[in-house]
Each structure stands twice: as C-alpha cells, then as structure tokens.
Amino acid sequence: MAHYVEYLLEIDGRTFLDRIGSHADDSERWEGRIPGADGDLLGYIDGPLTLMCFPEIKYSWLVNEHPESLRRVAQMDTALAHLFPDTRIVRLDEILLDDWIGREGEDFYKTPRAFDGLLN
C-alpha cells in the first residue's frame, strides 16, 4: 500500500487558487502544479481548508532518505511557504490522514476546527 505525502493548508480553496494564479474546472478538486515546485498535486478545494496530495512521492521514501524525493519535497515545502507565508501548513503521511478521516469523517477538512484537531 502506498502512502503519499499530503499537505493541509489553513486557507480556503478559492484563496489557494487565487494565490497560485490558477483555476479549477471542478468545484471540489484541482489538479496541477504550483510555481516554484516540481511535481503535480491533487487538491481538495471545497472547504475552509485546502488538502493537497503529492501522489508522486511516497512518505516511506522520505523516511528512507531517497535523495530525489527529499529534494522534491523540500522544494515543495519551500514553494508552499513562499506562496503562503501567512498560512499554517502541515505535511503529513497519508496513513495519518486516513486515521484522521476514520476519526473525524470523510469531509473533516471542510470544518475550520479540523486543523487544530490534527495538531492537538
């Protein structure tokens, strides 16, 4: 089973898209790249928080210090921090996300309190 790198941003999806200069054909999902980063993201943009999946990178590759994965995630981390300097962002393993969904429900990220729930 693959567990990918995920990002949760404390910013609503529309603001996320505005900041990266993009748009979505779907009101719930977005696929694309962000400026300054190498890799495609899949985003859920229909709540007060934005959930991004980086499906090209497995979290286990980071744990095992795979050089190219470390480089690409560091680049993504830097790009997100640069684009969203006033936004709390957490990077997490998909397995943690799956556990969180199991406790909070499938649409957990659609509630503002979800971000604090993860950090507590």
PDB file of N, CA and C in Angstrom:
ATOM      1  N   MET A   1       0.848  -1.175   0.000  1.00  0.00           N
ATOM      2  CA  MET A   1       0.000   0.000   0.000  1.00  0.00           C
ATOM      3  C   MET A   1       0.895   1.240   0.000  1.00  0.00           C
ATOM      4  N   ALA A   2       0.576   2.154  -0.860  1.00  0.00           N
ATOM      5  CA  ALA A   2       1.349   3.397  -0.947  1.00  0.00           C
ATOM      6  C   ALA A   2       0.716   4.472  -0.073  1.00  0.00           C
ATOM      7  N   HIS A   3       1.542   5.145   0.686  1.00  0.00           N
ATOM      8  CA  HIS A   3       1.089   6.269   1.497  1.00  0.00           C
ATOM      9  C   HIS A   3       1.852   7.491   1.020  1.00  0.00           C
ATOM     10  N   TYR A   4       1.120   8.396   0.435  1.00  0.00           N
ATOM     11  CA  TYR A   4       1.733   9.549  -0.202  1.00  0.00           C
ATOM     12  C   TYR A   4       1.889  10.721   0.759  1.00  0.00           C
ATOM     13  N   VAL A   5       2.681  11.673   0.328  1.00  0.00           N
ATOM     14  CA  VAL A   5       2.856  12.912   1.059  1.00  0.00           C
ATOM     15  C   VAL A   5       1.604  13.765   0.866  1.00  0.00           C
ATOM     16  N   GLU A   6       1.098  14.293   1.947  1.00  0.00           N
ATOM     17  CA  GLU A   6      -0.087  15.153   1.928  1.00  0.00           C
ATOM     18  C   GLU A   6       0.264  16.477   2.595  1.00  0.00           C
ATOM     19  N   TYR A   7      -0.442  17.517   2.197  1.00  0.00           N
ATOM     20  CA  TYR A   7      -0.306  18.833   2.821  1.00  0.00           C
ATOM     21  C   TYR A   7      -1.691  19.337   3.190  1.00  0.00           C
ATOM     22  N   LEU A   8      -1.817  19.892   4.372  1.00  0.00           N
ATOM     23  CA  LEU A   8      -3.037  20.563   4.775  1.00  0.00           C
ATOM     24  C   LEU A   8      -2.693  22.026   4.997  1.00  0.00           C
ATOM     25  N   LEU A   9      -3.411  22.903   4.316  1.00  0.00           N
ATOM     26  CA  LEU A   9      -3.168  24.339   4.397  1.00  0.00           C
ATOM     27  C   LEU A   9      -4.360  25.010   5.048  1.00  0.00           C
ATOM     28  N   GLU A  10      -4.095  25.893   5.973  1.00  0.00           N
ATOM     29  CA  GLU A  10      -5.162  26.618   6.651  1.00  0.00           C
ATOM     30  C   GLU A  10      -5.548  27.829   5.789  1.00  0.00           C
ATOM     31  N   ILE A  11      -6.130  27.511   4.640  1.00  0.00           N
ATOM     32  CA  ILE A  11      -6.579  28.525   3.685  1.00  0.00           C
ATOM     33  C   ILE A  11      -7.659  27.881   2.824  1.00  0.00           C
ATOM     34  N   ASP A  12      -8.681  28.632   2.487  1.00  0.00           N
ATOM     35  CA  ASP A  12      -9.749  28.044   1.681  1.00  0.00           C
ATOM     36  C   ASP A  12      -9.281  27.839   0.243  1.00  0.00           C
ATOM     37  N   GLY A  13      -9.960  26.946  -0.449  1.00  0.00           N
ATOM     38  CA  GLY A  13      -9.556  26.558  -1.795  1.00  0.00           C
ATOM     39  C   GLY A  13      -9.536  27.686  -2.803  1.00  0.00           C
ATOM     40  N   ARG A  14     -10.502  28.564  -2.740  1.00  0.00           N
ATOM     41  CA  ARG A  14     -10.540  29.677  -3.704  1.00  0.00           C
ATOM     42  C   ARG A  14      -9.353  30.618  -3.504  1.00  0.00           C
ATOM     43  N   THR A  15      -9.018  30.903  -2.261  1.00  0.00           N
ATOM     44  CA  THR A  15      -7.865  31.759  -1.984  1.00  0.00           C
ATOM     45  C   THR A  15      -6.584  31.060  -2.420  1.00  0.00           C
ATOM     46  N   PHE A  16      -6.507  29.752  -2.195  1.00  0.00           N
ATOM     47  CA  PHE A  16      -5.357  28.968  -2.649  1.00  0.00           C
ATOM     48  C   PHE A  16      -5.173  29.147  -4.153  1.00  0.00           C
ATOM     49  N   LEU A  17      -6.243  28.958  -4.912  1.00  0.00           N
ATOM     50  CA  LEU A  17      -6.153  29.071  -6.368  1.00  0.00           C
ATOM     51  C   LEU A  17      -5.777  30.479  -6.801  1.00  0.00           C
ATOM     52  N   ASP A  18      -6.348  31.476  -6.147  1.00  0.00           N
ATOM     53  CA  ASP A  18      -6.005  32.866  -6.479  1.00  0.00           C
ATOM     54  C   ASP A  18      -4.515  33.128  -6.278  1.00  0.00           C
ATOM     55  N   ARG A  19      -3.975  32.630  -5.181  1.00  0.00           N
ATOM     56  CA  ARG A  19      -2.564  32.895  -4.872  1.00  0.00           C
ATOM     57  C   ARG A  19      -1.611  32.216  -5.840  1.00  0.00           C
ATOM     58  N   ILE A  20      -1.993  31.059  -6.366  1.00  0.00           N
ATOM     59  CA  ILE A  20      -1.095  30.387  -7.306  1.00  0.00           C
ATOM     60  C   ILE A  20      -1.419  30.748  -8.747  1.00  0.00           C
ATOM     61  N   GLY A  21      -2.429  31.603  -8.933  1.00  0.00           N
ATOM     62  CA  GLY A  21      -2.780  32.039 -10.279  1.00  0.00           C
ATOM     63  C   GLY A  21      -3.376  30.935 -11.129  1.00  0.00           C
ATOM     64  N   SER A  22      -4.235  30.141 -10.520  1.00  0.00           N
ATOM     65  CA  SER A  22      -4.826  29.014 -11.228  1.00  0.00           C
ATOM     66  C   SER A  22      -6.348  29.037 -11.072  1.00  0.00           C
ATOM     67  N   HIS A  23      -6.988  28.097 -11.709  1.00  0.00           N
ATOM     68  CA  HIS A  23      -8.431  27.931 -11.582  1.00  0.00           C
ATOM     69  C   HIS A  23      -8.738  26.437 -11.605  1.00  0.00           C
ATOM     70  N   ALA A  24      -9.956  26.096 -11.260  1.00  0.00           N
ATOM     71  CA  ALA A  24     -10.374  24.695 -11.256  1.00  0.00           C
ATOM     72  C   ALA A  24     -11.654  24.558 -12.070  1.00  0.00           C
ATOM     73  N   ASP A  25     -11.706  23.536 -12.905  1.00  0.00           N
ATOM     74  CA  ASP A  25     -12.919  23.252 -13.663  1.00  0.00           C
ATOM     75  C   ASP A  25     -13.960  22.564 -12.789  1.00  0.00           C
ATOM     76  N   ASP A  26     -13.504  21.976 -11.718  1.00  0.00           N
ATOM     77  CA  ASP A  26     -14.355  21.258 -10.777  1.00  0.00           C
ATOM     78  C   ASP A  26     -14.423  22.080  -9.497  1.00  0.00           C
ATOM     79  N   SER A  27     -15.584  22.159  -8.884  1.00  0.00           N
ATOM     80  CA  SER A  27     -15.727  22.980  -7.670  1.00  0.00           C
ATOM     81  C   SER A  27     -15.138  22.315  -6.427  1.00  0.00           C
ATOM     82  N   GLU A  28     -14.810  21.033  -6.513  1.00  0.00           N
ATOM     83  CA  GLU A  28     -14.289  20.326  -5.353  1.00  0.00           C
ATOM     84  C   GLU A  28     -12.816  19.957  -5.461  1.00  0.00           C
ATOM     85  N   ARG A  29     -12.329  19.735  -6.683  1.00  0.00           N
ATOM     86  CA  ARG A  29     -10.964  19.243  -6.857  1.00  0.00           C
ATOM     87  C   ARG A  29     -10.182  20.100  -7.836  1.00  0.00           C
ATOM     88  N   TRP A  30      -8.863  20.081  -7.636  1.00  0.00           N
ATOM     89  CA  TRP A  30      -7.950  20.788  -8.513  1.00  0.00           C
ATOM     90  C   TRP A  30      -6.740  19.900  -8.738  1.00  0.00           C
ATOM     91  N   GLU A  31      -6.241  19.880  -9.950  1.00  0.00           N
ATOM     92  CA  GLU A  31      -5.008  19.165 -10.261  1.00  0.00           C
ATOM     93  C   GLU A  31      -4.079  20.120 -10.974  1.00  0.00           C
ATOM     94  N   GLY A  32      -2.810  20.098 -10.595  1.00  0.00           N
ATOM     95  CA  GLY A  32      -1.863  20.956 -11.275  1.00  0.00           C
ATOM     96  C   GLY A  32      -0.573  21.105 -10.513  1.00  0.00           C
ATOM     97  N   ARG A  33       0.148  22.162 -10.862  1.00  0.00           N
ATOM     98  CA  ARG A  33       1.445  22.465 -10.257  1.00  0.00           C
ATOM     99  C   ARG A  33       1.385  23.841  -9.623  1.00  0.00           C
ATOM    100  N   ILE A  34       2.256  24.041  -8.654  1.00  0.00           N
ATOM    101  CA  ILE A  34       2.364  25.367  -8.068  1.00  0.00           C
ATOM    102  C   ILE A  34       3.699  25.974  -8.506  1.00  0.00           C
ATOM    103  N   PRO A  35       3.748  27.279  -8.626  1.00  0.00           N
ATOM    104  CA  PRO A  35       5.000  27.921  -9.030  1.00  0.00           C
ATOM    105  C   PRO A  35       6.141  27.598  -8.064  1.00  0.00           C
ATOM    106  N   GLY A  36       7.295  27.267  -8.638  1.00  0.00           N
ATOM    107  CA  GLY A  36       8.479  27.014  -7.827  1.00  0.00           C
ATOM    108  C   GLY A  36       8.648  25.589  -7.349  1.00  0.00           C
ATOM    109  N   ALA A  37       7.765  24.693  -7.767  1.00  0.00           N
ATOM    110  CA  ALA A  37       7.857  23.307  -7.306  1.00  0.00           C
ATOM    111  C   ALA A  37       7.783  22.351  -8.488  1.00  0.00           C
ATOM    112  N   ASP A  38       8.445  21.230  -8.321  1.00  0.00           N
ATOM    113  CA  ASP A  38       8.499  20.188  -9.336  1.00  0.00           C
ATOM    114  C   ASP A  38       7.565  19.062  -8.917  1.00  0.00           C
ATOM    115  N   GLY A  39       6.438  18.963  -9.580  1.00  0.00           N
ATOM    116  CA  GLY A  39       5.534  17.863  -9.278  1.00  0.00           C
ATOM    117  C   GLY A  39       4.082  18.265  -9.331  1.00  0.00           C
ATOM    118  N   ASP A  40       3.256  17.308  -9.680  1.00  0.00           N
ATOM    119  CA  ASP A  40       1.818  17.519  -9.758  1.00  0.00           C
ATOM    120  C   ASP A  40       1.179  17.299  -8.402  1.00  0.00           C
ATOM    121  N   LEU A  41       0.179  18.094  -8.120  1.00  0.00           N
ATOM    122  CA  LEU A  41      -0.600  17.978  -6.891  1.00  0.00           C
ATOM    123  C   LEU A  41      -2.051  17.702  -7.242  1.00  0.00           C
ATOM    124  N   LEU A  42      -2.727  17.059  -6.335  1.00  0.00           N
ATOM    125  CA  LEU A  42      -4.172  16.869  -6.407  1.00  0.00           C
ATOM    126  C   LEU A  42      -4.737  17.535  -5.171  1.00  0.00           C
ATOM    127  N   GLY A  43      -5.627  18.489  -5.359  1.00  0.00           N
ATOM    128  CA  GLY A  43      -6.138  19.243  -4.230  1.00  0.00           C
ATOM    129  C   GLY A  43      -7.635  19.132  -4.057  1.00  0.00           C
ATOM    130  N   TYR A  44      -8.048  19.169  -2.810  1.00  0.00           N
ATOM    131  CA  TYR A  44      -9.456  19.239  -2.450  1.00  0.00           C
ATOM    132  C   TYR A  44      -9.683  20.659  -1.955  1.00  0.00           C
ATOM    133  N   ILE A  45     -10.499  21.413  -2.685  1.00  0.00           N
ATOM    134  CA  ILE A  45     -10.571  22.865  -2.513  1.00  0.00           C
ATOM    135  C   ILE A  45     -11.951  23.363  -2.114  1.00  0.00           C
ATOM    136  N   ASP A  46     -12.813  22.488  -1.640  1.00  0.00           N
ATOM    137  CA  ASP A  46     -14.200  22.879  -1.400  1.00  0.00           C
ATOM    138  C   ASP A  46     -14.528  23.125   0.066  1.00  0.00           C
ATOM    139  N   GLY A  47     -13.520  23.408   0.865  1.00  0.00           N
ATOM    140  CA  GLY A  47     -13.766  23.684   2.280  1.00  0.00           C
ATOM    141  C   GLY A  47     -12.967  24.875   2.746  1.00  0.00           C
ATOM    142  N   PRO A  48     -13.044  25.174   4.029  1.00  0.00           N
ATOM    143  CA  PRO A  48     -12.279  26.298   4.578  1.00  0.00           C
ATOM    144  C   PRO A  48     -10.781  25.995   4.666  1.00  0.00           C
ATOM    145  N   LEU A  49     -10.419  24.726   4.503  1.00  0.00           N
ATOM    146  CA  LEU A  49      -9.024  24.313   4.454  1.00  0.00           C
ATOM    147  C   LEU A  49      -8.766  23.689   3.090  1.00  0.00           C
ATOM    148  N   THR A  50      -7.508  23.670   2.675  1.00  0.00           N
ATOM    149  CA  THR A  50      -7.137  23.053   1.412  1.00  0.00           C
ATOM    150  C   THR A  50      -6.288  21.829   1.704  1.00  0.00           C
ATOM    151  N   LEU A  51      -6.666  20.716   1.126  1.00  0.00           N
ATOM    152  CA  LEU A  51      -5.954  19.460   1.294  1.00  0.00           C
ATOM    153  C   LEU A  51      -5.277  19.121  -0.025  1.00  0.00           C
ATOM    154  N   MET A  52      -3.954  18.944   0.004  1.00  0.00           N
ATOM    155  CA  MET A  52      -3.179  18.647  -1.198  1.00  0.00           C
ATOM    156  C   MET A  52      -2.492  17.300  -1.061  1.00  0.00           C
ATOM    157  N   CYS A  53      -2.590  16.493  -2.094  1.00  0.00           N
ATOM    158  CA  CYS A  53      -1.880  15.221  -2.163  1.00  0.00           C
ATOM    159  C   CYS A  53      -0.755  15.367  -3.186  1.00  0.00           C
ATOM    160  N   PHE A  54       0.415  14.880  -2.829  1.00  0.00           N
ATOM    161  CA  PHE A  54       1.581  14.864  -3.714  1.00  0.00           C
ATOM    162  C   PHE A  54       1.782  13.395  -4.114  1.00  0.00           C
ATOM    163  N   PRO A  55       0.983  12.898  -5.074  1.00  0.00           N
ATOM    164  CA  PRO A  55       0.964  11.459  -5.354  1.00  0.00           C
ATOM    165  C   PRO A  55       2.221  10.909  -6.001  1.00  0.00           C
ATOM    166  N   GLU A  56       3.146  11.762  -6.364  1.00  0.00           N
ATOM    167  CA  GLU A  56       4.385  11.286  -6.974  1.00  0.00           C
ATOM    168  C   GLU A  56       5.415  10.859  -5.922  1.00  0.00           C
ATOM    169  N   ILE A  57       5.158  11.171  -4.651  1.00  0.00           N
ATOM    170  CA  ILE A  57       6.126  10.892  -3.591  1.00  0.00           C
ATOM    171  C   ILE A  57       5.466  10.077  -2.479  1.00  0.00           C
ATOM    172  N   LYS A  58       6.045   8.932  -2.177  1.00  0.00           N
ATOM    173  CA  LYS A  58       5.594   8.126  -1.047  1.00  0.00           C
ATOM    174  C   LYS A  58       6.331   8.592   0.198  1.00  0.00           C
ATOM    175  N   TYR A  59       5.603   8.644   1.306  1.00  0.00           N
ATOM    176  CA  TYR A  59       6.222   9.110   2.546  1.00  0.00           C
ATOM    177  C   TYR A  59       7.375   8.199   2.979  1.00  0.00           C
ATOM    178  N   SER A  60       7.257   6.915   2.693  1.00  0.00           N
ATOM    179  CA  SER A  60       8.324   5.979   3.063  1.00  0.00           C
ATOM    180  C   SER A  60       9.637   6.329   2.369  1.00  0.00           C
ATOM    181  N   TRP A  61       9.565   6.952   1.199  1.00  0.00           N
ATOM    182  CA  TRP A  61      10.787   7.364   0.506  1.00  0.00           C
ATOM    183  C   TRP A  61      11.504   8.448   1.304  1.00  0.00           C
ATOM    184  N   LEU A  62      10.735   9.297   1.983  1.00  0.00           N
ATOM    185  CA  LEU A  62      11.361  10.311   2.834  1.00  0.00           C
ATOM    186  C   LEU A  62      12.010   9.666   4.046  1.00  0.00           C
ATOM    187  N   VAL A  63      11.294   8.743   4.648  1.00  0.00           N
ATOM    188  CA  VAL A  63      11.821   8.047   5.830  1.00  0.00           C
ATOM    189  C   VAL A  63      13.113   7.323   5.475  1.00  0.00           C
ATOM    190  N   ASN A  64      13.165   6.756   4.275  1.00  0.00           N
ATOM    191  CA  ASN A  64      14.352   6.025   3.826  1.00  0.00           C
ATOM    192  C   ASN A  64      15.376   6.918   3.133  1.00  0.00           C
ATOM    193  N   GLU A  65      15.164   8.222   3.204  1.00  0.00           N
ATOM    194  CA  GLU A  65      16.098   9.237   2.705  1.00  0.00           C
ATOM    195  C   GLU A  65      16.450   9.079   1.229  1.00  0.00           C
ATOM    196  N   HIS A  66      15.442   8.798   0.417  1.00  0.00           N
ATOM    197  CA  HIS A  66      15.627   8.738  -1.030  1.00  0.00           C
ATOM    198  C   HIS A  66      15.968  10.152  -1.517  1.00  0.00           C
ATOM    199  N   PRO A  67      17.168  10.374  -2.071  1.00  0.00           N
ATOM    200  CA  PRO A  67      17.640  11.733  -2.375  1.00  0.00           C
ATOM    201  C   PRO A  67      16.709  12.554  -3.267  1.00  0.00           C
ATOM    202  N   GLU A  68      16.214  11.974  -4.332  1.00  0.00           N
ATOM    203  CA  GLU A  68      15.354  12.740  -5.247  1.00  0.00           C
ATOM    204  C   GLU A  68      14.034  13.110  -4.571  1.00  0.00           C
ATOM    205  N   SER A  69      13.494  12.213  -3.787  1.00  0.00           N
ATOM    206  CA  SER A  69      12.246  12.511  -3.062  1.00  0.00           C
ATOM    207  C   SER A  69      12.465  13.605  -2.034  1.00  0.00           C
ATOM    208  N   LEU A  70      13.571  13.522  -1.309  1.00  0.00           N
ATOM    209  CA  LEU A  70      13.893  14.562  -0.329  1.00  0.00           C
ATOM    210  C   LEU A  70      14.027  15.920  -1.011  1.00  0.00           C
ATOM    211  N   ARG A  71      14.682  15.953  -2.169  1.00  0.00           N
ATOM    212  CA  ARG A  71      14.861  17.204  -2.898  1.00  0.00           C
ATOM    213  C   ARG A  71      13.526  17.777  -3.345  1.00  0.00           C
ATOM    214  N   ARG A  72      12.684  16.936  -3.912  1.00  0.00           N
ATOM    215  CA  ARG A  72      11.402  17.410  -4.436  1.00  0.00           C
ATOM    216  C   ARG A  72      10.459  17.869  -3.324  1.00  0.00           C
ATOM    217  N   VAL A  73      10.447  17.165  -2.199  1.00  0.00           N
ATOM    218  CA  VAL A  73       9.588  17.575  -1.083  1.00  0.00           C
ATOM    219  C   VAL A  73      10.117  18.862  -0.459  1.00  0.00           C
ATOM    220  N   ALA A  74      11.432  18.983  -0.337  1.00  0.00           N
ATOM    221  CA  ALA A  74      11.998  20.231   0.188  1.00  0.00           C
ATOM    222  C   ALA A  74      11.635  21.394  -0.728  1.00  0.00           C
ATOM    223  N   GLN A  75      11.686  21.153  -2.021  1.00  0.00           N
ATOM    224  CA  GLN A  75      11.306  22.185  -2.991  1.00  0.00           C
ATOM    225  C   GLN A  75       9.826  22.546  -2.848  1.00  0.00           C
ATOM    226  N   MET A  76       8.962  21.542  -2.674  1.00  0.00           N
ATOM    227  CA  MET A  76       7.527  21.786  -2.499  1.00  0.00           C
ATOM    228  C   MET A  76       7.283  22.535  -1.197  1.00  0.00           C
ATOM    229  N   ASP A  77       7.946  22.125  -0.118  1.00  0.00           N
ATOM    230  CA  ASP A  77       7.809  22.808   1.172  1.00  0.00           C
ATOM    231  C   ASP A  77       8.181  24.289   1.039  1.00  0.00           C
ATOM    232  N   THR A  78       9.292  24.543   0.374  1.00  0.00           N
ATOM    233  CA  THR A  78       9.768  25.920   0.194  1.00  0.00           C
ATOM    234  C   THR A  78       8.796  26.729  -0.654  1.00  0.00           C
ATOM    235  N   ALA A  79       8.319  26.141  -1.737  1.00  0.00           N
ATOM    236  CA  ALA A  79       7.376  26.838  -2.617  1.00  0.00           C
ATOM    237  C   ALA A  79       6.083  27.176  -1.880  1.00  0.00           C
ATOM    238  N   LEU A  80       5.558  26.229  -1.113  1.00  0.00           N
ATOM    239  CA  LEU A  80       4.336  26.485  -0.353  1.00  0.00           C
ATOM    240  C   LEU A  80       4.558  27.579   0.689  1.00  0.00           C
ATOM    241  N   ALA A  81       5.674  27.519   1.387  1.00  0.00           N
ATOM    242  CA  ALA A  81       5.971  28.534   2.403  1.00  0.00           C
ATOM    243  C   ALA A  81       6.128  29.914   1.771  1.00  0.00           C
ATOM    244  N   HIS A  82       6.702  29.967   0.596  1.00  0.00           N
ATOM    245  CA  HIS A  82       6.879  31.243  -0.104  1.00  0.00           C
ATOM    246  C   HIS A  82       5.532  31.805  -0.596  1.00  0.00           C
ATOM    247  N   LEU A  83       4.694  30.932  -1.141  1.00  0.00           N
ATOM    248  CA  LEU A  83       3.402  31.365  -1.678  1.00  0.00           C
ATOM    249  C   LEU A  83       2.386  31.700  -0.588  1.00  0.00           C
ATOM    250  N   PHE A  84       2.532  31.052   0.566  1.00  0.00           N
ATOM    251  CA  PHE A  84       1.554  31.193   1.644  1.00  0.00           C
ATOM    252  C   PHE A  84       2.265  31.508   2.966  1.00  0.00           C
ATOM    253  N   PRO A  85       2.982  32.633   3.048  1.00  0.00           N
ATOM    254  CA  PRO A  85       3.775  32.924   4.244  1.00  0.00           C
ATOM    255  C   PRO A  85       2.944  33.144   5.507  1.00  0.00           C
ATOM    256  N   ASP A  86       1.699  33.511   5.351  1.00  0.00           N
ATOM    257  CA  ASP A  86       0.828  33.796   6.489  1.00  0.00           C
ATOM    258  C   ASP A  86      -0.143  32.650   6.774  1.00  0.00           C
ATOM    259  N   THR A  87       0.170  31.461   6.281  1.00  0.00           N
ATOM    260  CA  THR A  87      -0.731  30.318   6.364  1.00  0.00           C
ATOM    261  C   THR A  87      -0.059  29.166   7.104  1.00  0.00           C
ATOM    262  N   ARG A  88      -0.792  28.555   8.034  1.00  0.00           N
ATOM    263  CA  ARG A  88      -0.268  27.344   8.667  1.00  0.00           C
ATOM    264  C   ARG A  88      -0.384  26.197   7.662  1.00  0.00           C
ATOM    265  N   ILE A  89       0.719  25.470   7.522  1.00  0.00           N
ATOM    266  CA  ILE A  89       0.783  24.334   6.596  1.00  0.00           C
ATOM    267  C   ILE A  89       1.401  23.172   7.351  1.00  0.00           C
ATOM    268  N   VAL A  90       0.801  22.004   7.207  1.00  0.00           N
ATOM    269  CA  VAL A  90       1.381  20.807   7.806  1.00  0.00           C
ATOM    270  C   VAL A  90       1.537  19.754   6.709  1.00  0.00           C
ATOM    271  N   ARG A  91       2.702  19.103   6.704  1.00  0.00           N
ATOM    272  CA  ARG A  91       2.945  17.982   5.785  1.00  0.00           C
ATOM    273  C   ARG A  91       2.757  16.707   6.592  1.00  0.00           C
ATOM    274  N   LEU A  92       2.036  15.755   6.038  1.00  0.00           N
ATOM    275  CA  LEU A  92       1.791  14.532   6.776  1.00  0.00           C
ATOM    276  C   LEU A  92       1.740  13.335   5.856  1.00  0.00           C
ATOM    277  N   ASP A  93       1.861  12.180   6.449  1.00  0.00           N
ATOM    278  CA  ASP A  93       1.774  10.913   5.750  1.00  0.00           C
ATOM    279  C   ASP A  93       0.297  10.591   5.534  1.00  0.00           C
ATOM    280  N   GLU A  94       0.005  10.006   4.395  1.00  0.00           N
ATOM    281  CA  GLU A  94      -1.371   9.639   4.081  1.00  0.00           C
ATOM    282  C   GLU A  94      -1.960   8.673   5.114  1.00  0.00           C
ATOM    283  N   ILE A  95      -1.135   7.850   5.747  1.00  0.00           N
ATOM    284  CA  ILE A  95      -1.658   6.917   6.750  1.00  0.00           C
ATOM    285  C   ILE A  95      -2.215   7.687   7.954  1.00  0.00           C
ATOM    286  N   LEU A  96      -1.549   8.776   8.339  1.00  0.00           N
ATOM    287  CA  LEU A  96      -2.060   9.628   9.410  1.00  0.00           C
ATOM    288  C   LEU A  96      -3.362  10.298   8.966  1.00  0.00           C
ATOM    289  N   LEU A  97      -3.382  10.728   7.724  1.00  0.00           N
ATOM    290  CA  LEU A  97      -4.594  11.333   7.177  1.00  0.00           C
ATOM    291  C   LEU A  97      -5.748  10.333   7.185  1.00  0.00           C
ATOM    292  N   ASP A  98      -5.482   9.098   6.758  1.00  0.00           N
ATOM    293  CA  ASP A  98      -6.527   8.063   6.761  1.00  0.00           C
ATOM    294  C   ASP A  98      -7.054   7.812   8.168  1.00  0.00           C
ATOM    295  N   ASP A  99      -6.165   7.791   9.150  1.00  0.00           N
ATOM    296  CA  ASP A  99      -6.574   7.611  10.538  1.00  0.00           C
ATOM    297  C   ASP A  99      -7.450   8.777  10.990  1.00  0.00           C
ATOM    298  N   TRP A 100      -7.037   9.966  10.628  1.00  0.00           N
ATOM    299  CA  TRP A 100      -7.783  11.170  10.984  1.00  0.00           C
ATOM    300  C   TRP A 100      -9.176  11.150  10.345  1.00  0.00           C
ATOM    301  N   ILE A 101      -9.256  10.753   9.085  1.00  0.00           N
ATOM    302  CA  ILE A 101     -10.548  10.643   8.402  1.00  0.00           C
ATOM    303  C   ILE A 101     -11.424   9.617   9.114  1.00  0.00           C
ATOM    304  N   GLY A 102     -10.815   8.508   9.557  1.00  0.00           N
ATOM    305  CA  GLY A 102     -11.568   7.486  10.278  1.00  0.00           C
ATOM    306  C   GLY A 102     -12.191   8.012  11.555  1.00  0.00           C
ATOM    307  N   ARG A 103     -11.478   8.931  12.227  1.00  0.00           N
ATOM    308  CA  ARG A 103     -11.994   9.512  13.474  1.00  0.00           C
ATOM    309  C   ARG A 103     -12.969  10.656  13.217  1.00  0.00           C
ATOM    310  N   GLU A 104     -12.634  11.517  12.263  1.00  0.00           N
ATOM    311  CA  GLU A 104     -13.370  12.773  12.079  1.00  0.00           C
ATOM    312  C   GLU A 104     -14.414  12.734  10.961  1.00  0.00           C
ATOM    313  N   GLY A 105     -14.299  11.778  10.054  1.00  0.00           N
ATOM    314  CA  GLY A 105     -15.219  11.707   8.931  1.00  0.00           C
ATOM    315  C   GLY A 105     -14.565  12.163   7.639  1.00  0.00           C
ATOM    316  N   GLU A 106     -15.111  11.720   6.538  1.00  0.00           N
ATOM    317  CA  GLU A 106     -14.534  11.958   5.218  1.00  0.00           C
ATOM    318  C   GLU A 106     -14.322  13.434   4.900  1.00  0.00           C
ATOM    319  N   ASP A 107     -15.209  14.282   5.318  1.00  0.00           N
ATOM    320  CA  ASP A 107     -15.134  15.704   4.976  1.00  0.00           C
ATOM    321  C   ASP A 107     -14.569  16.557   6.118  1.00  0.00           C
ATOM    322  N   PHE A 108     -13.665  15.977   6.918  1.00  0.00           N
ATOM    323  CA  PHE A 108     -13.125  16.679   8.081  1.00  0.00           C
ATOM    324  C   PHE A 108     -12.527  18.035   7.728  1.00  0.00           C
ATOM    325  N   TYR A 109     -11.904  18.143   6.580  1.00  0.00           N
ATOM    326  CA  TYR A 109     -11.204  19.377   6.207  1.00  0.00           C
ATOM    327  C   TYR A 109     -12.172  20.503   5.830  1.00  0.00           C
ATOM    328  N   LYS A 110     -13.446  20.192   5.813  1.00  0.00           N
ATOM    329  CA  LYS A 110     -14.451  21.214   5.495  1.00  0.00           C
ATOM    330  C   LYS A 110     -14.881  21.991   6.737  1.00  0.00           C
ATOM    331  N   THR A 111     -14.277  21.679   7.872  1.00  0.00           N
ATOM    332  CA  THR A 111     -14.591  22.418   9.092  1.00  0.00           C
ATOM    333  C   THR A 111     -13.349  23.161   9.564  1.00  0.00           C
ATOM    334  N   PRO A 112     -13.494  24.417   9.974  1.00  0.00           N
ATOM    335  CA  PRO A 112     -12.324  25.195  10.395  1.00  0.00           C
ATOM    336  C   PRO A 112     -11.556  24.575  11.556  1.00  0.00           C
ATOM    337  N   ARG A 113     -12.224  23.844  12.430  1.00  0.00           N
ATOM    338  CA  ARG A 113     -11.563  23.270  13.599  1.00  0.00           C
ATOM    339  C   ARG A 113     -10.671  22.084  13.247  1.00  0.00           C
ATOM    340  N   ALA A 114     -10.759  21.585  12.033  1.00  0.00           N
ATOM    341  CA  ALA A 114     -10.011  20.390  11.644  1.00  0.00           C
ATOM    342  C   ALA A 114      -8.507  20.576  11.781  1.00  0.00           C
ATOM    343  N   PHE A 115      -8.007  21.745  11.458  1.00  0.00           N
ATOM    344  CA  PHE A 115      -6.559  21.975  11.517  1.00  0.00           C
ATOM    345  C   PHE A 115      -6.064  21.841  12.946  1.00  0.00           C
ATOM    346  N   ASP A 116      -6.763  22.450  13.887  1.00  0.00           N
ATOM    347  CA  ASP A 116      -6.363  22.347  15.284  1.00  0.00           C
ATOM    348  C   ASP A 116      -6.482  20.918  15.799  1.00  0.00           C
ATOM    349  N   GLY A 117      -7.472  20.168  15.292  1.00  0.00           N
ATOM    350  CA  GLY A 117      -7.637  18.783  15.700  1.00  0.00           C
ATOM    351  C   GLY A 117      -6.450  17.923  15.333  1.00  0.00           C
ATOM    352  N   LEU A 118      -5.838  18.194  14.211  1.00  0.00           N
ATOM    353  CA  LEU A 118      -4.662  17.440  13.790  1.00  0.00           C
ATOM    354  C   LEU A 118      -3.464  17.776  14.669  1.00  0.00           C
ATOM    355  N   LEU A 119      -3.304  19.025  14.998  1.00  0.00           N
ATOM    356  CA  LEU A 119      -2.130  19.460  15.744  1.00  0.00           C
ATOM    357  C   LEU A 119      -2.202  19.142  17.228  1.00  0.00           C
ATOM    358  N   ASN A 120      -3.386  18.828  17.735  1.00  0.00           N
ATOM    359  CA  ASN A 120      -3.536  18.508  19.165  1.00  0.00           C
ATOM    360  C   ASN A 120      -3.418  17.025  19.415  1.00  0.00           C
TER     361      ASN A 120
END
